[in-house]
Structures are given as C-alpha cells and as structure tokens.
Amino acid sequence: MSATTEEAKSDRLTLRLPGRDLERLRELARQRQVEVAALAREAIAAYLDGVDPHAAQERLAQELTGAMRAQADRVIARHEQTTRALIEALNTHLARKP
C-alpha cells in the first residue's frame, strides 16, 4: 500500500443516538448543507480538541451584539443629524416669510 492510500484509509465508528438527537443532528446538517457524517466528524474533532462550542457561540453572539449596537448608534446619529438639518432648514424658511 502506498502512503497516500494509508492516509486516506479511515476506521469506522458506530454511534447509537436517541431518535430525537439523531433528528436534531440531521436537521442541523440540512441547515448547514453538509452530510450528517461530516457534521459528526466535526463535532467529535471539536470535542477532542477541547473546543467549547458554547464559548464559540457566546463569542459570536457578543460580536453580533457589538456590530448591531454600532449600526444602531450609526443610524441614531444619522437620524439626529437629519433632524437637526431639517429643523435648521425649517427655521431658515420661516425666517424668510414676511
């Protein structure tokens, strides 16, 4: 056997999961558009590497919250700027009337 063939070779693992867990796994795989086996390999690798998926989700949630706050602040600032400009234009217009 060549080195490439041996590297490509993999062992099998059979998992017994409750029906609801398997269905959740299938649904997640459908959402991510990946095979169930690929998703299971990813989950096992993350577990073995010591990755805490909840910590990763928490970090992403914090980043999303920060980005949303920044966008909201930008929109609010733009709204305030527009409102001030409209008030100024209205005052200028009213000051010109006899």
N, C-alpha and C. Protein backbone atom coordinates (compact mmCIF):
# COMPACT_ATOMS: atom_id res chain seq x y z
N MET A 1 0.83 -1.19 0.00
CA MET A 1 0.00 0.00 0.00
C MET A 1 0.87 1.24 0.00
N SER A 2 0.47 2.22 -0.76
CA SER A 2 1.22 3.47 -0.79
C SER A 2 0.87 4.32 0.42
N ALA A 3 1.70 5.32 0.68
CA ALA A 3 1.47 6.20 1.82
C ALA A 3 0.15 6.97 1.65
N THR A 4 -0.16 7.35 0.42
CA THR A 4 -1.38 8.09 0.16
C THR A 4 -2.61 7.25 0.47
N THR A 5 -2.57 5.97 0.10
CA THR A 5 -3.70 5.08 0.36
C THR A 5 -3.90 4.89 1.85
N GLU A 6 -2.81 4.74 2.58
CA GLU A 6 -2.92 4.54 4.03
C GLU A 6 -3.42 5.80 4.72
N GLU A 7 -3.03 6.98 4.25
CA GLU A 7 -3.51 8.22 4.83
C GLU A 7 -5.00 8.40 4.57
N ALA A 8 -5.46 7.95 3.41
CA ALA A 8 -6.87 8.11 3.06
C ALA A 8 -7.75 7.11 3.79
N LYS A 9 -7.15 6.02 4.27
CA LYS A 9 -7.91 4.98 4.97
C LYS A 9 -8.41 5.52 6.30
N SER A 10 -9.64 5.15 6.65
CA SER A 10 -10.18 5.58 7.93
C SER A 10 -10.90 4.41 8.58
N ASP A 11 -11.02 4.48 9.88
CA ASP A 11 -11.73 3.45 10.63
C ASP A 11 -13.19 3.83 10.74
N ARG A 12 -14.01 2.85 11.07
CA ARG A 12 -15.44 3.08 11.23
C ARG A 12 -15.78 3.20 12.70
N LEU A 13 -16.79 3.96 12.97
CA LEU A 13 -17.31 4.12 14.32
C LEU A 13 -18.83 4.13 14.22
N THR A 14 -19.46 3.31 15.03
CA THR A 14 -20.92 3.27 15.04
C THR A 14 -21.39 3.97 16.30
N LEU A 15 -22.30 4.91 16.12
CA LEU A 15 -22.87 5.64 17.25
C LEU A 15 -24.32 5.26 17.41
N ARG A 16 -24.74 5.08 18.63
CA ARG A 16 -26.16 4.86 18.93
C ARG A 16 -26.66 6.12 19.60
N LEU A 17 -27.61 6.78 18.92
CA LEU A 17 -28.16 8.03 19.44
C LEU A 17 -29.66 7.88 19.62
N PRO A 18 -30.20 8.57 20.62
CA PRO A 18 -31.66 8.60 20.73
C PRO A 18 -32.24 9.24 19.47
N GLY A 19 -33.45 8.83 19.12
CA GLY A 19 -34.08 9.33 17.90
C GLY A 19 -34.15 10.83 17.82
N ARG A 20 -34.46 11.50 18.94
CA ARG A 20 -34.57 12.96 18.90
C ARG A 20 -33.21 13.61 18.65
N ASP A 21 -32.13 13.03 19.21
CA ASP A 21 -30.80 13.58 18.97
C ASP A 21 -30.38 13.38 17.52
N LEU A 22 -30.69 12.22 16.97
CA LEU A 22 -30.36 11.95 15.57
C LEU A 22 -31.12 12.89 14.66
N GLU A 23 -32.38 13.13 14.96
CA GLU A 23 -33.18 14.06 14.14
C GLU A 23 -32.62 15.47 14.23
N ARG A 24 -32.20 15.89 15.43
CA ARG A 24 -31.60 17.22 15.57
C ARG A 24 -30.31 17.30 14.77
N LEU A 25 -29.53 16.23 14.77
CA LEU A 25 -28.28 16.19 14.01
C LEU A 25 -28.58 16.27 12.51
N ARG A 26 -29.60 15.54 12.07
CA ARG A 26 -29.98 15.59 10.65
C ARG A 26 -30.45 16.99 10.25
N GLU A 27 -31.26 17.61 11.12
CA GLU A 27 -31.76 18.95 10.83
C GLU A 27 -30.62 19.97 10.74
N LEU A 28 -29.68 19.88 11.68
CA LEU A 28 -28.52 20.78 11.64
C LEU A 28 -27.70 20.56 10.38
N ALA A 29 -27.53 19.31 9.98
CA ALA A 29 -26.80 19.00 8.75
C ALA A 29 -27.52 19.58 7.54
N ARG A 30 -28.86 19.48 7.53
CA ARG A 30 -29.63 20.06 6.42
C ARG A 30 -29.46 21.58 6.38
N GLN A 31 -29.51 22.22 7.55
CA GLN A 31 -29.36 23.67 7.60
C GLN A 31 -27.99 24.10 7.11
N ARG A 32 -26.98 23.36 7.48
CA ARG A 32 -25.61 23.71 7.08
C ARG A 32 -25.24 23.15 5.72
N GLN A 33 -26.13 22.36 5.13
CA GLN A 33 -25.92 21.75 3.81
C GLN A 33 -24.66 20.90 3.78
N VAL A 34 -24.53 20.05 4.80
CA VAL A 34 -23.43 19.10 4.87
C VAL A 34 -24.00 17.72 5.18
N GLU A 35 -23.19 16.69 5.00
CA GLU A 35 -23.62 15.35 5.34
C GLU A 35 -23.62 15.18 6.86
N VAL A 36 -24.48 14.31 7.34
CA VAL A 36 -24.55 14.03 8.78
C VAL A 36 -23.20 13.52 9.28
N ALA A 37 -22.56 12.66 8.49
CA ALA A 37 -21.27 12.09 8.89
C ALA A 37 -20.21 13.19 9.02
N ALA A 38 -20.22 14.15 8.10
CA ALA A 38 -19.26 15.25 8.16
C ALA A 38 -19.49 16.10 9.41
N LEU A 39 -20.76 16.33 9.73
CA LEU A 39 -21.10 17.10 10.91
C LEU A 39 -20.67 16.36 12.18
N ALA A 40 -20.88 15.04 12.20
CA ALA A 40 -20.46 14.23 13.35
C ALA A 40 -18.94 14.25 13.50
N ARG A 41 -18.22 14.13 12.39
CA ARG A 41 -16.75 14.20 12.45
C ARG A 41 -16.28 15.54 12.99
N GLU A 42 -16.92 16.61 12.55
CA GLU A 42 -16.58 17.95 13.02
C GLU A 42 -16.82 18.07 14.53
N ALA A 43 -17.95 17.56 14.98
CA ALA A 43 -18.29 17.63 16.41
C ALA A 43 -17.31 16.82 17.24
N ILE A 44 -16.96 15.62 16.78
CA ILE A 44 -16.01 14.78 17.52
C ILE A 44 -14.64 15.43 17.55
N ALA A 45 -14.21 15.99 16.42
CA ALA A 45 -12.90 16.67 16.37
C ALA A 45 -12.88 17.86 17.32
N ALA A 46 -13.96 18.63 17.35
CA ALA A 46 -14.03 19.78 18.26
C ALA A 46 -13.96 19.32 19.71
N TYR A 47 -14.65 18.25 20.02
CA TYR A 47 -14.64 17.71 21.37
C TYR A 47 -13.24 17.26 21.75
N LEU A 48 -12.59 16.52 20.86
CA LEU A 48 -11.25 16.01 21.15
C LEU A 48 -10.21 17.12 21.23
N ASP A 49 -10.43 18.20 20.47
CA ASP A 49 -9.51 19.34 20.51
C ASP A 49 -9.78 20.25 21.70
N GLY A 50 -10.84 19.95 22.45
CA GLY A 50 -11.16 20.74 23.63
C GLY A 50 -11.86 22.04 23.33
N VAL A 51 -12.45 22.15 22.15
CA VAL A 51 -13.17 23.36 21.77
C VAL A 51 -14.53 23.34 22.46
N ASP A 52 -14.85 24.43 23.12
CA ASP A 52 -16.15 24.55 23.76
C ASP A 52 -17.08 25.25 22.79
N PRO A 53 -18.04 24.50 22.21
CA PRO A 53 -18.91 25.13 21.22
C PRO A 53 -19.75 26.25 21.81
N HIS A 54 -20.06 26.15 23.10
CA HIS A 54 -20.85 27.21 23.73
C HIS A 54 -20.03 28.49 23.83
N ALA A 55 -18.73 28.36 24.10
CA ALA A 55 -17.88 29.54 24.17
C ALA A 55 -17.78 30.21 22.79
N ALA A 56 -17.68 29.39 21.75
CA ALA A 56 -17.62 29.94 20.40
C ALA A 56 -18.93 30.65 20.06
N GLN A 57 -20.05 30.06 20.44
CA GLN A 57 -21.35 30.70 20.19
C GLN A 57 -21.47 31.99 20.99
N GLU A 58 -20.99 31.98 22.23
CA GLU A 58 -21.05 33.18 23.06
C GLU A 58 -20.20 34.30 22.45
N ARG A 59 -19.02 33.95 21.95
CA ARG A 59 -18.15 34.93 21.31
C ARG A 59 -18.83 35.52 20.07
N LEU A 60 -19.44 34.65 19.25
CA LEU A 60 -20.14 35.13 18.06
C LEU A 60 -21.33 36.01 18.43
N ALA A 61 -22.04 35.62 19.49
CA ALA A 61 -23.18 36.43 19.94
C ALA A 61 -22.71 37.81 20.40
N GLN A 62 -21.59 37.85 21.11
CA GLN A 62 -21.05 39.14 21.56
C GLN A 62 -20.63 39.99 20.37
N GLU A 63 -19.98 39.37 19.39
CA GLU A 63 -19.57 40.11 18.19
C GLU A 63 -20.79 40.64 17.45
N LEU A 64 -21.82 39.81 17.33
CA LEU A 64 -23.03 40.23 16.65
C LEU A 64 -23.71 41.37 17.40
N THR A 65 -23.77 41.25 18.73
CA THR A 65 -24.37 42.30 19.55
C THR A 65 -23.60 43.61 19.39
N GLY A 66 -22.28 43.53 19.40
CA GLY A 66 -21.45 44.72 19.21
C GLY A 66 -21.67 45.35 17.85
N ALA A 67 -21.75 44.52 16.82
CA ALA A 67 -21.97 45.04 15.47
C ALA A 67 -23.35 45.69 15.37
N MET A 68 -24.35 45.06 15.98
CA MET A 68 -25.70 45.63 15.95
C MET A 68 -25.75 46.96 16.70
N ARG A 69 -25.07 47.04 17.84
CA ARG A 69 -25.03 48.30 18.59
C ARG A 69 -24.35 49.40 17.77
N ALA A 70 -23.24 49.04 17.12
CA ALA A 70 -22.53 50.02 16.30
C ALA A 70 -23.43 50.52 15.17
N GLN A 71 -24.15 49.62 14.51
CA GLN A 71 -25.05 50.01 13.43
C GLN A 71 -26.20 50.86 13.98
N ALA A 72 -26.75 50.47 15.13
CA ALA A 72 -27.84 51.26 15.73
C ALA A 72 -27.35 52.65 16.09
N ASP A 73 -26.16 52.75 16.67
CA ASP A 73 -25.59 54.06 17.01
C ASP A 73 -25.41 54.91 15.76
N ARG A 74 -24.95 54.28 14.66
CA ARG A 74 -24.75 54.99 13.41
C ARG A 74 -26.09 55.51 12.88
N VAL A 75 -27.11 54.66 12.92
CA VAL A 75 -28.43 55.06 12.43
C VAL A 75 -29.00 56.19 13.28
N ILE A 76 -28.86 56.08 14.60
CA ILE A 76 -29.36 57.12 15.50
C ILE A 76 -28.65 58.44 15.26
N ALA A 77 -27.32 58.38 15.11
CA ALA A 77 -26.55 59.60 14.86
C ALA A 77 -26.98 60.23 13.53
N ARG A 78 -27.17 59.41 12.52
CA ARG A 78 -27.60 59.93 11.22
C ARG A 78 -29.00 60.54 11.32
N HIS A 79 -29.88 59.89 12.08
CA HIS A 79 -31.23 60.41 12.28
C HIS A 79 -31.18 61.77 12.98
N GLU A 80 -30.37 61.87 14.02
CA GLU A 80 -30.24 63.14 14.75
C GLU A 80 -29.68 64.23 13.84
N GLN A 81 -28.71 63.87 13.02
CA GLN A 81 -28.12 64.83 12.09
C GLN A 81 -29.17 65.31 11.08
N THR A 82 -29.95 64.38 10.55
CA THR A 82 -31.00 64.73 9.60
C THR A 82 -32.07 65.61 10.26
N THR A 83 -32.45 65.26 11.47
CA THR A 83 -33.46 66.04 12.20
C THR A 83 -32.97 67.46 12.43
N ARG A 84 -31.71 67.62 12.86
CA ARG A 84 -31.15 68.96 13.07
C ARG A 84 -31.13 69.75 11.78
N ALA A 85 -30.77 69.09 10.66
CA ALA A 85 -30.73 69.77 9.36
C ALA A 85 -32.13 70.20 8.94
N LEU A 86 -33.12 69.35 9.16
CA LEU A 86 -34.49 69.71 8.81
C LEU A 86 -35.00 70.87 9.66
N ILE A 87 -34.70 70.86 10.95
CA ILE A 87 -35.11 71.96 11.83
C ILE A 87 -34.45 73.25 11.40
N GLU A 88 -33.18 73.18 11.06
CA GLU A 88 -32.46 74.37 10.61
C GLU A 88 -33.06 74.89 9.30
N ALA A 89 -33.37 74.00 8.38
CA ALA A 89 -33.96 74.42 7.11
C ALA A 89 -35.34 75.02 7.33
N LEU A 90 -36.12 74.43 8.24
CA LEU A 90 -37.45 74.97 8.54
C LEU A 90 -37.34 76.35 9.18
N ASN A 91 -36.42 76.53 10.12
CA ASN A 91 -36.22 77.84 10.75
C ASN A 91 -35.79 78.87 9.73
N THR A 92 -34.90 78.51 8.83
CA THR A 92 -34.45 79.42 7.79
C THR A 92 -35.62 79.81 6.89
N HIS A 93 -36.41 78.83 6.53
CA HIS A 93 -37.59 79.09 5.68
C HIS A 93 -38.59 80.01 6.39
N LEU A 94 -38.85 79.73 7.65
CA LEU A 94 -39.80 80.55 8.42
C LEU A 94 -39.27 81.96 8.66
N ALA A 95 -37.96 82.12 8.76
CA ALA A 95 -37.40 83.44 9.00
C ALA A 95 -37.53 84.31 7.75
N ARG A 96 -37.63 83.73 6.56
CA ARG A 96 -37.75 84.49 5.32
C ARG A 96 -39.18 84.95 5.07
N LYS A 97 -40.16 84.38 5.70
CA LYS A 97 -41.56 84.76 5.47
C LYS A 97 -41.83 86.13 6.06
N PRO A 98 -42.64 86.95 5.35
CA PRO A 98 -42.95 88.30 5.86
C PRO A 98 -43.92 88.27 7.02
